Amino acid sequence: MSKDKLWGGRFTQPTDKFVEEFTASIDFDKRLYHQDIRGSIAHARMLGKQQIIPMEDVELIVSGLQEILEQIEAGKFDFSISLEDIHMNIESRLSAKIGEAGKRLHTGRSRNDQVALDIRLYLRDELVGISAYLDLLVDSLLGQAEKNINVIMPGYTHLQTAQPILFAHHMLAYVEMFKRDKGRMEDCLKRANVLPLGAGALAGTTFPIDREHVAELLDFPEVTRNSLDSVSDRDFALEFLSASSILMMHLSRLSEELILWSTSEFKFIELSDGFCTGSSIMPQKKNPDVPELVRGKTGRVYGNLMALLTVMKSLPLAYNKDMQEDKEPLFDTIDTVKGSLKIFADMIREMRVNTENMRNAAAKGFSTATDVADYLVRKGMPFRDAHEVVGKSVAYCVANSKDLPELTIDEWKTFSHMIDEDIYAAITLEASVNARRATGGTSLDGVRKEITRIRAGK
């Protein structure tokens, strides 16, 4: 019967059974139990401090909530769909356990500001964990860079051989991406880490509550400033989903490269057996399932962002039941991001680099052609003229099945009298890599300095 529900005083008929199941959120929001209990304990202590409820009731409430927490963590708490959500399940059990005092807990608050608090507390905790997983991934990438510091590979544009680069430089490119991802998570934490409790249903409360005291108890640096905004927006969750989508995009790009690099055509890397699977019919197969699955899960996270954006896009102030749909996209994204980061950090750490194959590939495709142009510029030729000279030399090589280092000095001089024997030293892979000494370039010295800088936390 609706009248048996904590909100049922106004109702005379029972809730339709399917409506009860359709509108309940306990199946997914029960993971908020720890945050809900923590928030309720802080709220109760504030009510007692402000003499809104007796201190004897506060002690009963706190001890009762702590017992319920122990029951949930021991798997001895039966969640009820008829009680709709985690808040009602806990409050109902509390009242059954301690009686009249339990019914005083909800004084001065609403489920609207209560759920906003729980989600912020939950996301705050998870953001700290995700940042730690990002640190692990960065450490794995740095480890590969350090272990393979002298390895040269082809750099690509348009997936065509462009210029030789250090493999370590390629790894550091992803380090920079994931460091920015961590920065976005830290920025998101700043806006999530604001206390909404005390906003009530939408207009605040008539009781003399002390919101700043609750914020202090729950380690929030500040409180929200508008009660309507406090309960009716989820931009902090959207910001997290957006940051997660960018993070997953970076993981997906790295996944794509690992998939390509592990093919028999590239043979640049080999992933550990522990992160691959075989084929049920083809015994020779070693499939890179982990990066493939992470690449696929990226679309899942994008979908979660679009789902919540669509939920929120036309809601009038303040709270609407639509907003119950905020939790599943948020929870799923948190689980997906954490799982993807953890498995990637472990997989990258165990990845083996085929240095000879990378070097051989870097030597093909006229990868040092730009170095020839730069050589001519240093001899005094305008760059555009040098570009044309090198273009003609490449065309000659293509027609004669040669690469640039294979040209004789006489052949070189047919393209420009400025070219001398020193051209050969200028277009080795090492010379090409180490000539790029400007900040952010791929030179060995520059890459070593970057690794040192990043290791120092700068």
Protein backbone atom coordinates (compact mmCIF):
# COMPACT_ATOMS: atom_id res chain seq x y z
CA MET A 1 0.00 0.00 0.00
CA SER A 2 1.24 3.51 -0.78
CA LYS A 3 0.27 4.57 2.70
CA ASP A 4 2.94 2.16 4.00
CA LYS A 5 5.64 4.07 2.13
CA LEU A 6 7.58 6.87 3.83
CA TRP A 7 5.89 9.36 1.48
CA GLY A 8 2.47 7.63 1.42
CA GLY A 9 0.39 9.85 3.70
CA ARG A 10 -1.38 11.63 0.84
CA PHE A 11 -2.24 8.42 -1.06
CA THR A 12 -5.26 6.12 -0.60
CA GLN A 13 -4.50 3.48 -3.24
CA PRO A 14 -1.52 1.15 -3.53
CA THR A 15 1.13 1.77 -6.15
CA ASP A 16 0.70 -0.38 -9.25
CA LYS A 17 3.12 -3.31 -8.98
CA PHE A 18 4.74 -2.70 -12.36
CA VAL A 19 4.96 1.05 -11.68
CA GLU A 20 6.72 0.21 -8.44
CA GLU A 21 9.27 -1.93 -10.28
CA PHE A 22 9.61 0.51 -13.19
CA THR A 23 10.29 3.55 -11.01
CA ALA A 24 12.53 1.88 -8.43
CA SER A 25 16.26 2.57 -8.57
CA ILE A 26 17.48 0.34 -5.75
CA ASP A 27 18.94 -2.23 -8.17
CA PHE A 28 21.62 0.25 -9.22
CA ASP A 29 21.75 3.01 -6.60
CA LYS A 30 22.41 0.60 -3.74
CA ARG A 31 26.10 1.09 -4.49
CA LEU A 32 25.65 4.52 -2.88
CA TYR A 33 25.02 2.96 0.54
CA HIS A 34 28.31 4.08 2.08
CA GLN A 35 27.90 7.68 0.91
CA ASP A 36 24.24 7.75 1.96
CA ILE A 37 25.07 6.59 5.48
CA ARG A 38 28.04 8.92 5.77
CA GLY A 39 25.91 11.87 4.68
CA SER A 40 23.11 10.92 7.05
CA ILE A 41 25.49 10.68 10.02
CA ALA A 42 26.85 14.16 9.27
CA HIS A 43 23.31 15.52 8.86
CA ALA A 44 22.22 13.98 12.17
CA ARG A 45 25.21 15.40 14.03
CA MET A 46 24.43 18.84 12.64
CA LEU A 47 20.76 18.55 13.68
CA GLY A 48 21.90 17.74 17.20
CA LYS A 49 24.44 20.56 17.29
CA GLN A 50 21.76 23.00 16.21
CA GLN A 51 19.36 21.59 18.83
CA ILE A 52 16.86 20.72 16.11
CA ILE A 53 16.64 17.15 17.42
CA PRO A 54 17.74 15.80 20.83
CA MET A 55 21.32 14.58 21.19
CA GLU A 56 19.99 11.25 22.52
CA ASP A 57 18.29 10.76 19.16
CA VAL A 58 21.49 11.67 17.35
CA GLU A 59 23.41 8.96 19.19
CA LEU A 60 20.71 6.40 18.40
CA ILE A 61 20.69 7.44 14.74
CA VAL A 62 24.47 7.28 14.42
CA SER A 63 24.80 3.88 16.09
CA GLY A 64 21.85 2.55 14.09
CA LEU A 65 23.34 3.73 10.81
CA GLN A 66 26.71 2.22 11.67
CA GLU A 67 25.03 -1.12 12.37
CA ILE A 68 23.22 -0.93 9.04
CA LEU A 69 26.52 -0.18 7.30
CA GLU A 70 28.03 -3.30 8.85
CA GLN A 71 25.03 -5.37 7.75
CA ILE A 72 25.25 -4.15 4.16
CA GLU A 73 28.99 -4.80 3.96
CA ALA A 74 28.47 -8.28 5.43
CA GLY A 75 25.79 -9.02 2.81
CA LYS A 76 23.07 -9.33 5.45
CA PHE A 77 20.87 -6.44 4.33
CA ASP A 78 17.83 -7.22 2.18
CA PHE A 79 17.10 -4.39 -0.24
CA SER A 80 13.44 -3.88 -1.10
CA ILE A 81 12.12 -2.67 -4.45
CA SER A 82 8.97 -1.42 -2.72
CA LEU A 83 11.17 1.08 -0.86
CA GLU A 84 12.36 2.43 -4.22
CA ASP A 85 15.91 3.57 -3.56
CA ILE A 86 18.90 3.36 -1.25
CA HIS A 87 17.75 6.35 0.81
CA MET A 88 14.34 4.88 1.66
CA ASN A 89 15.75 1.42 2.25
CA ILE A 90 18.21 2.70 4.83
CA GLU A 91 15.85 5.14 6.49
CA SER A 92 13.08 2.56 6.76
CA ARG A 93 15.44 0.01 8.32
CA LEU A 94 16.75 2.67 10.71
CA SER A 95 13.26 3.56 11.91
CA ALA A 96 12.42 -0.12 12.38
CA LYS A 97 15.61 -0.55 14.37
CA ILE A 98 15.58 2.50 16.68
CA GLY A 99 11.97 3.65 16.49
CA GLU A 100 10.86 7.28 16.81
CA ALA A 101 14.40 8.69 16.66
CA GLY A 102 14.91 7.26 13.19
CA LYS A 103 11.94 9.22 11.88
CA ARG A 104 13.61 12.48 12.93
CA LEU A 105 16.64 11.95 10.67
CA HIS A 106 14.98 13.43 7.59
CA THR A 107 14.28 16.74 9.34
CA GLY A 108 15.60 19.65 7.28
CA ARG A 109 16.43 17.68 4.14
CA SER A 110 14.80 16.12 1.08
CA ARG A 111 15.63 13.13 -1.06
CA ASN A 112 16.46 15.70 -3.73
CA ASP A 113 19.42 17.21 -1.89
CA GLN A 114 20.22 13.84 -0.30
CA VAL A 115 20.75 12.10 -3.64
CA ALA A 116 22.71 15.08 -4.97
CA LEU A 117 25.00 14.73 -1.96
CA ASP A 118 25.40 10.97 -2.38
CA ILE A 119 26.34 11.26 -6.04
CA ARG A 120 28.87 14.00 -5.35
CA LEU A 121 30.42 12.00 -2.52
CA TYR A 122 30.57 8.89 -4.69
CA LEU A 123 32.05 10.66 -7.71
CA ARG A 124 34.55 12.45 -5.50
CA ASP A 125 35.84 9.13 -4.19
CA GLU A 126 35.98 7.60 -7.67
CA LEU A 127 37.78 10.57 -9.19
CA VAL A 128 40.62 10.07 -6.73
CA GLY A 129 40.81 6.41 -7.73
CA ILE A 130 40.73 7.17 -11.46
CA SER A 131 43.57 9.68 -11.06
CA ALA A 132 45.61 6.96 -9.34
CA TYR A 133 44.94 4.56 -12.25
CA LEU A 134 46.07 7.26 -14.68
CA ASP A 135 49.30 7.56 -12.72
CA LEU A 136 49.84 3.81 -13.09
CA LEU A 137 49.30 3.98 -16.84
CA VAL A 138 51.68 6.92 -17.20
CA ASP A 139 54.26 5.00 -15.18
CA SER A 140 53.91 2.00 -17.52
CA LEU A 141 54.37 4.19 -20.59
CA LEU A 142 57.41 5.87 -19.03
CA GLY A 143 58.84 2.46 -18.21
CA GLN A 144 58.60 1.37 -21.84
CA ALA A 145 60.15 4.67 -22.95
CA GLU A 146 63.08 4.23 -20.56
CA LYS A 147 63.61 0.58 -21.45
CA ASN A 148 63.62 1.32 -25.19
CA ILE A 149 65.20 4.77 -25.12
CA ASN A 150 67.38 4.21 -28.22
CA VAL A 151 64.76 2.47 -30.38
CA ILE A 152 63.95 4.28 -33.63
CA MET A 153 60.63 3.78 -35.39
CA PRO A 154 58.82 5.41 -38.30
CA GLY A 155 56.62 8.36 -37.45
CA TYR A 156 53.48 8.58 -39.55
CA THR A 157 51.08 11.10 -40.95
CA HIS A 158 48.06 9.81 -42.88
CA LEU A 159 49.38 6.39 -41.77
CA GLN A 160 52.16 6.88 -44.32
CA THR A 161 55.84 6.92 -43.35
CA ALA A 162 56.80 10.51 -42.53
CA GLN A 163 59.96 10.92 -40.43
CA PRO A 164 61.96 8.71 -38.07
CA ILE A 165 61.24 9.23 -34.38
CA LEU A 166 62.19 7.58 -31.13
CA PHE A 167 59.76 4.96 -29.89
CA ALA A 168 60.15 6.61 -26.49
CA HIS A 169 58.97 9.89 -28.01
CA HIS A 170 55.85 8.11 -29.27
CA MET A 171 55.15 6.75 -25.79
CA LEU A 172 55.63 10.21 -24.30
CA ALA A 173 52.98 11.57 -26.66
CA TYR A 174 50.44 9.38 -24.86
CA VAL A 175 51.91 10.37 -21.51
CA GLU A 176 51.05 13.98 -22.34
CA MET A 177 47.50 13.00 -23.32
CA PHE A 178 46.90 11.04 -20.14
CA LYS A 179 48.41 13.80 -18.01
CA ARG A 180 45.86 16.19 -19.50
CA ASP A 181 43.17 13.62 -18.81
CA LYS A 182 44.25 13.58 -15.18
CA GLY A 183 44.09 17.38 -15.16
CA ARG A 184 40.53 17.25 -16.46
CA MET A 185 39.58 14.79 -13.72
CA GLU A 186 41.14 17.07 -11.11
CA ASP A 187 39.22 20.04 -12.51
CA CYS A 188 36.03 18.00 -12.42
CA LEU A 189 36.71 17.19 -8.77
CA LYS A 190 36.79 20.89 -7.93
CA ARG A 191 33.23 21.38 -9.17
CA ALA A 192 31.91 18.07 -7.82
CA ASN A 193 33.39 18.76 -4.40
CA VAL A 194 30.68 21.20 -3.28
CA LEU A 195 28.05 20.37 -0.63
CA PRO A 196 24.40 20.46 -1.87
CA LEU A 197 22.80 19.17 1.35
CA GLY A 198 20.62 21.81 2.93
CA ALA A 199 18.96 22.84 -0.31
CA GLY A 200 15.91 20.78 0.64
CA ALA A 201 13.50 19.84 -2.11
CA LEU A 202 14.20 23.06 -4.02
CA ALA A 203 13.84 26.15 -1.79
CA GLY A 204 15.97 25.46 1.27
CA THR A 205 14.58 24.70 4.74
CA THR A 206 12.85 26.56 7.55
CA PHE A 207 15.06 24.89 10.16
CA PRO A 208 18.18 26.67 11.47
CA ILE A 209 20.62 24.23 9.90
CA ASP A 210 24.37 24.81 9.69
CA ARG A 211 25.41 23.79 6.18
CA GLU A 212 29.00 24.86 6.69
CA HIS A 213 29.29 22.46 9.64
CA VAL A 214 28.04 19.57 7.50
CA ALA A 215 30.53 20.57 4.80
CA GLU A 216 33.31 20.45 7.39
CA LEU A 217 32.23 17.02 8.60
CA LEU A 218 32.17 15.66 5.04
CA ASP A 219 35.37 17.41 3.88
CA PHE A 220 33.68 19.71 1.38
CA PRO A 221 35.58 22.99 0.92
CA GLU A 222 32.40 24.92 0.14
CA VAL A 223 28.60 24.73 -0.08
CA THR A 224 26.32 25.39 -3.03
CA ARG A 225 24.88 28.90 -3.20
CA ASN A 226 21.47 28.37 -4.81
CA SER A 227 18.97 25.77 -3.63
CA LEU A 228 17.32 25.36 -7.03
CA ASP A 229 20.62 24.78 -8.78
CA SER A 230 21.77 22.45 -6.00
CA VAL A 231 19.12 19.82 -6.66
CA SER A 232 18.36 20.30 -10.33
CA ASP A 233 21.68 20.19 -12.18
CA ARG A 234 24.07 17.38 -12.93
CA ASP A 235 26.72 19.32 -14.81
CA PHE A 236 29.39 17.92 -12.50
CA ALA A 237 28.41 14.43 -13.67
CA LEU A 238 28.30 15.57 -17.28
CA GLU A 239 31.74 17.09 -16.89
CA PHE A 240 33.03 13.74 -15.65
CA LEU A 241 31.38 11.90 -18.55
CA SER A 242 32.89 14.39 -20.98
CA ALA A 243 36.36 14.06 -19.47
CA SER A 244 35.93 10.28 -19.52
CA SER A 245 34.97 10.35 -23.18
CA ILE A 246 38.16 12.23 -24.02
CA LEU A 247 40.18 9.82 -21.89
CA MET A 248 38.62 6.82 -23.63
CA MET A 249 39.31 8.44 -27.00
CA HIS A 250 42.99 8.55 -26.08
CA LEU A 251 42.88 4.92 -24.94
CA SER A 252 41.13 3.99 -28.18
CA ARG A 253 43.81 5.65 -30.31
CA LEU A 254 46.52 3.81 -28.41
CA SER A 255 44.47 0.62 -28.77
CA GLU A 256 44.33 1.06 -32.52
CA GLU A 257 48.10 1.45 -32.73
CA LEU A 258 48.74 -1.58 -30.55
CA ILE A 259 46.39 -3.62 -32.73
CA LEU A 260 48.18 -2.50 -35.90
CA TRP A 261 51.64 -2.88 -34.42
CA SER A 262 50.95 -6.46 -33.31
CA THR A 263 49.93 -7.63 -36.80
CA SER A 264 52.26 -9.81 -38.87
CA GLU A 265 52.52 -6.91 -41.34
CA PHE A 266 53.99 -4.54 -38.73
CA LYS A 267 55.47 -6.83 -36.06
CA PHE A 268 56.48 -3.78 -34.03
CA ILE A 269 55.33 -5.19 -30.68
CA GLU A 270 54.16 -8.36 -29.04
CA LEU A 271 51.53 -8.29 -26.31
CA SER A 272 51.84 -10.71 -23.43
CA ASP A 273 49.84 -13.93 -23.76
CA GLY A 274 47.93 -12.94 -20.65
CA PHE A 275 46.25 -10.10 -22.54
CA CYS A 276 45.40 -11.99 -25.74
CA THR A 277 43.14 -14.85 -26.79
CA GLY A 278 43.20 -17.50 -29.48
CA SER A 279 40.81 -18.67 -32.17
CA SER A 280 38.41 -21.59 -31.84
CA ILE A 281 39.27 -22.70 -35.39
CA MET A 282 42.63 -21.15 -36.35
CA PRO A 283 45.36 -22.49 -34.04
CA GLN A 284 47.96 -19.90 -35.08
CA LYS A 285 45.94 -16.87 -33.98
CA LYS A 286 46.90 -14.54 -31.14
CA ASN A 287 44.21 -11.90 -30.96
CA PRO A 288 44.69 -8.52 -29.19
CA ASP A 289 41.33 -8.72 -27.46
CA VAL A 290 42.09 -6.23 -24.68
CA PRO A 291 42.86 -3.21 -26.90
CA GLU A 292 40.03 -4.22 -29.22
CA LEU A 293 37.56 -4.32 -26.35
CA VAL A 294 38.76 -1.00 -24.94
CA ARG A 295 38.38 0.49 -28.43
CA GLY A 296 34.81 -0.82 -28.44
CA LYS A 297 34.01 0.37 -24.93
CA THR A 298 34.90 3.90 -25.98
CA GLY A 299 31.61 4.07 -27.87
CA ARG A 300 29.82 2.91 -24.73
CA VAL A 301 31.21 5.85 -22.76
CA TYR A 302 30.31 8.27 -25.56
CA GLY A 303 26.77 6.87 -25.40
CA ASN A 304 26.59 7.48 -21.65
CA LEU A 305 27.54 11.13 -22.17
CA MET A 306 24.90 11.57 -24.86
CA ALA A 307 22.30 9.79 -22.71
CA LEU A 308 22.71 12.16 -19.76
CA LEU A 309 22.97 15.24 -21.97
CA THR A 310 19.68 14.21 -23.55
CA VAL A 311 18.06 13.60 -20.15
CA MET A 312 19.04 17.05 -18.91
CA LYS A 313 18.58 19.14 -22.05
CA SER A 314 14.99 20.31 -21.50
CA LEU A 315 14.24 19.83 -17.80
CA PRO A 316 12.57 22.78 -16.07
CA LEU A 317 13.80 23.66 -12.59
CA ALA A 318 13.97 22.03 -10.16
CA TYR A 319 14.09 18.24 -9.68
CA ASN A 320 12.36 15.90 -12.13
CA LYS A 321 12.12 12.10 -12.03
CA ASP A 322 14.01 12.02 -15.34
CA MET A 323 17.13 12.76 -13.30
CA GLN A 324 17.01 9.27 -11.81
CA GLU A 325 18.54 8.29 -15.16
CA ASP A 326 21.78 10.01 -14.16
CA LYS A 327 23.15 7.12 -12.14
CA GLU A 328 23.44 4.22 -14.55
CA PRO A 329 25.45 6.17 -17.18
CA LEU A 330 27.64 7.55 -14.40
CA PHE A 331 28.22 4.21 -12.69
CA ASP A 332 28.83 2.39 -15.97
CA THR A 333 31.36 5.00 -17.09
CA ILE A 334 33.21 4.86 -13.79
CA ASP A 335 33.45 1.07 -14.01
CA THR A 336 34.49 1.15 -17.67
CA VAL A 337 37.17 3.81 -17.22
CA LYS A 338 38.66 2.20 -14.14
CA GLY A 339 38.73 -1.24 -15.73
CA SER A 340 40.23 0.05 -18.97
CA LEU A 341 42.96 2.01 -17.20
CA LYS A 342 43.91 -0.84 -14.90
CA ILE A 343 44.18 -3.42 -17.65
CA PHE A 344 46.05 -1.04 -19.96
CA ALA A 345 48.63 -0.17 -17.31
CA ASP A 346 49.36 -3.87 -16.79
CA MET A 347 49.35 -4.68 -20.52
CA ILE A 348 51.71 -1.85 -21.48
CA ARG A 349 54.10 -2.84 -18.71
CA GLU A 350 54.41 -6.37 -20.11
CA MET A 351 54.51 -5.39 -23.80
CA ARG A 352 57.62 -6.44 -25.77
CA VAL A 353 59.06 -4.10 -28.41
CA ASN A 354 60.55 -5.55 -31.62
CA THR A 355 63.33 -3.01 -32.01
CA GLU A 356 64.83 -4.39 -35.24
CA ASN A 357 61.50 -4.40 -37.05
CA MET A 358 60.83 -0.82 -35.98
CA ARG A 359 64.23 0.32 -37.19
CA ASN A 360 63.91 -1.46 -40.51
CA ALA A 361 60.53 0.16 -41.09
CA ALA A 362 61.92 3.57 -40.18
CA ALA A 363 64.59 3.17 -42.86
CA LYS A 364 61.98 2.70 -45.58
CA GLY A 365 59.63 5.10 -47.27
CA PHE A 366 62.12 7.94 -47.74
CA SER A 367 61.68 8.91 -44.09
CA THR A 368 64.75 11.19 -44.15
CA ALA A 369 63.64 13.21 -47.18
CA THR A 370 62.93 16.26 -45.01
CA ASP A 371 66.45 16.01 -43.64
CA VAL A 372 67.81 16.35 -47.19
CA ALA A 373 65.75 19.49 -47.64
CA ASP A 374 67.00 20.86 -44.30
CA TYR A 375 70.57 20.01 -45.39
CA LEU A 376 70.14 22.11 -48.53
CA VAL A 377 68.61 24.98 -46.57
CA ARG A 378 71.65 25.03 -44.29
CA LYS A 379 73.77 25.25 -47.48
CA GLY A 380 71.86 28.39 -48.46
CA MET A 381 69.00 27.13 -50.66
CA PRO A 382 65.47 28.51 -49.99
CA PHE A 383 63.26 25.85 -48.46
CA ARG A 384 60.72 25.76 -51.28
CA ASP A 385 63.52 25.18 -53.81
CA ALA A 386 65.00 22.50 -51.55
CA HIS A 387 61.58 20.86 -51.31
CA GLU A 388 61.41 20.64 -55.10
CA VAL A 389 64.93 19.22 -55.39
CA VAL A 390 64.20 16.48 -52.85
CA GLY A 391 60.88 15.71 -54.51
CA LYS A 392 62.71 15.07 -57.77
CA SER A 393 65.29 12.91 -56.04
CA VAL A 394 62.55 10.81 -54.47
CA ALA A 395 60.86 10.40 -57.85
CA TYR A 396 64.21 9.24 -59.26
CA CYS A 397 64.58 6.72 -56.43
CA VAL A 398 61.08 5.36 -57.02
CA ALA A 399 61.80 4.94 -60.74
CA ASN A 400 65.11 3.19 -60.03
CA SER A 401 64.06 1.12 -56.99
CA LYS A 402 66.48 2.90 -54.66
CA ASP A 403 66.28 4.65 -51.32
CA LEU A 404 67.92 8.01 -50.60
CA PRO A 405 70.99 6.66 -48.74
CA GLU A 406 71.68 4.36 -51.71
CA LEU A 407 72.22 7.20 -54.18
CA THR A 408 75.81 7.80 -55.27
CA ILE A 409 77.31 11.24 -54.88
CA ASP A 410 77.21 11.63 -58.65
CA GLU A 411 73.50 10.87 -58.64
CA TRP A 412 72.97 13.39 -55.82
CA LYS A 413 74.78 16.10 -57.75
CA THR A 414 72.42 15.73 -60.70
CA PHE A 415 69.80 17.26 -58.42
CA SER A 416 71.95 19.99 -56.82
CA HIS A 417 75.62 21.01 -56.95
CA MET A 418 75.31 21.96 -53.26
CA ILE A 419 75.20 18.31 -52.22
CA ASP A 420 78.52 16.87 -51.05
CA GLU A 421 79.74 13.72 -49.32
CA ASP A 422 78.48 15.03 -45.97
CA ILE A 423 74.91 14.32 -47.13
CA TYR A 424 75.27 10.70 -46.01
CA ALA A 425 75.98 11.64 -42.38
CA ALA A 426 73.04 14.01 -42.40
CA ILE A 427 70.45 11.44 -43.43
CA THR A 428 71.13 8.53 -41.08
CA LEU A 429 68.24 7.62 -38.81
CA GLU A 430 70.19 8.73 -35.74
CA ALA A 431 71.14 12.04 -37.34
CA SER A 432 67.55 12.67 -38.36
CA VAL A 433 66.23 11.96 -34.87
CA ASN A 434 68.90 13.84 -32.96
CA ALA A 435 68.78 16.91 -35.19
CA ARG A 436 65.33 17.69 -33.77
CA ARG A 437 66.57 19.27 -30.58
CA ALA A 438 63.98 21.99 -30.05
CA THR A 439 61.76 21.61 -26.97
CA GLY A 440 59.23 18.89 -27.64
CA GLY A 441 61.27 17.27 -30.40
CA THR A 442 62.31 13.65 -30.76
CA SER A 443 66.05 13.98 -30.11
CA LEU A 444 67.52 11.47 -27.69
CA ASP A 445 68.72 14.18 -25.33
CA GLY A 446 65.37 15.94 -25.44
CA VAL A 447 63.41 12.76 -24.76
CA ARG A 448 65.65 11.88 -21.82
CA LYS A 449 65.09 15.34 -20.34
CA GLU A 450 61.33 14.94 -20.78
CA ILE A 451 61.34 11.61 -18.98
CA THR A 452 63.30 13.17 -16.12
CA ARG A 453 60.91 16.12 -15.99
CA ILE A 454 57.82 13.91 -15.91
CA ARG A 455 59.32 11.58 -13.32
CA ALA A 456 59.95 14.66 -11.15
CA GLY A 457 56.25 15.50 -11.35
CA LYS A 458 56.72 18.68 -13.38
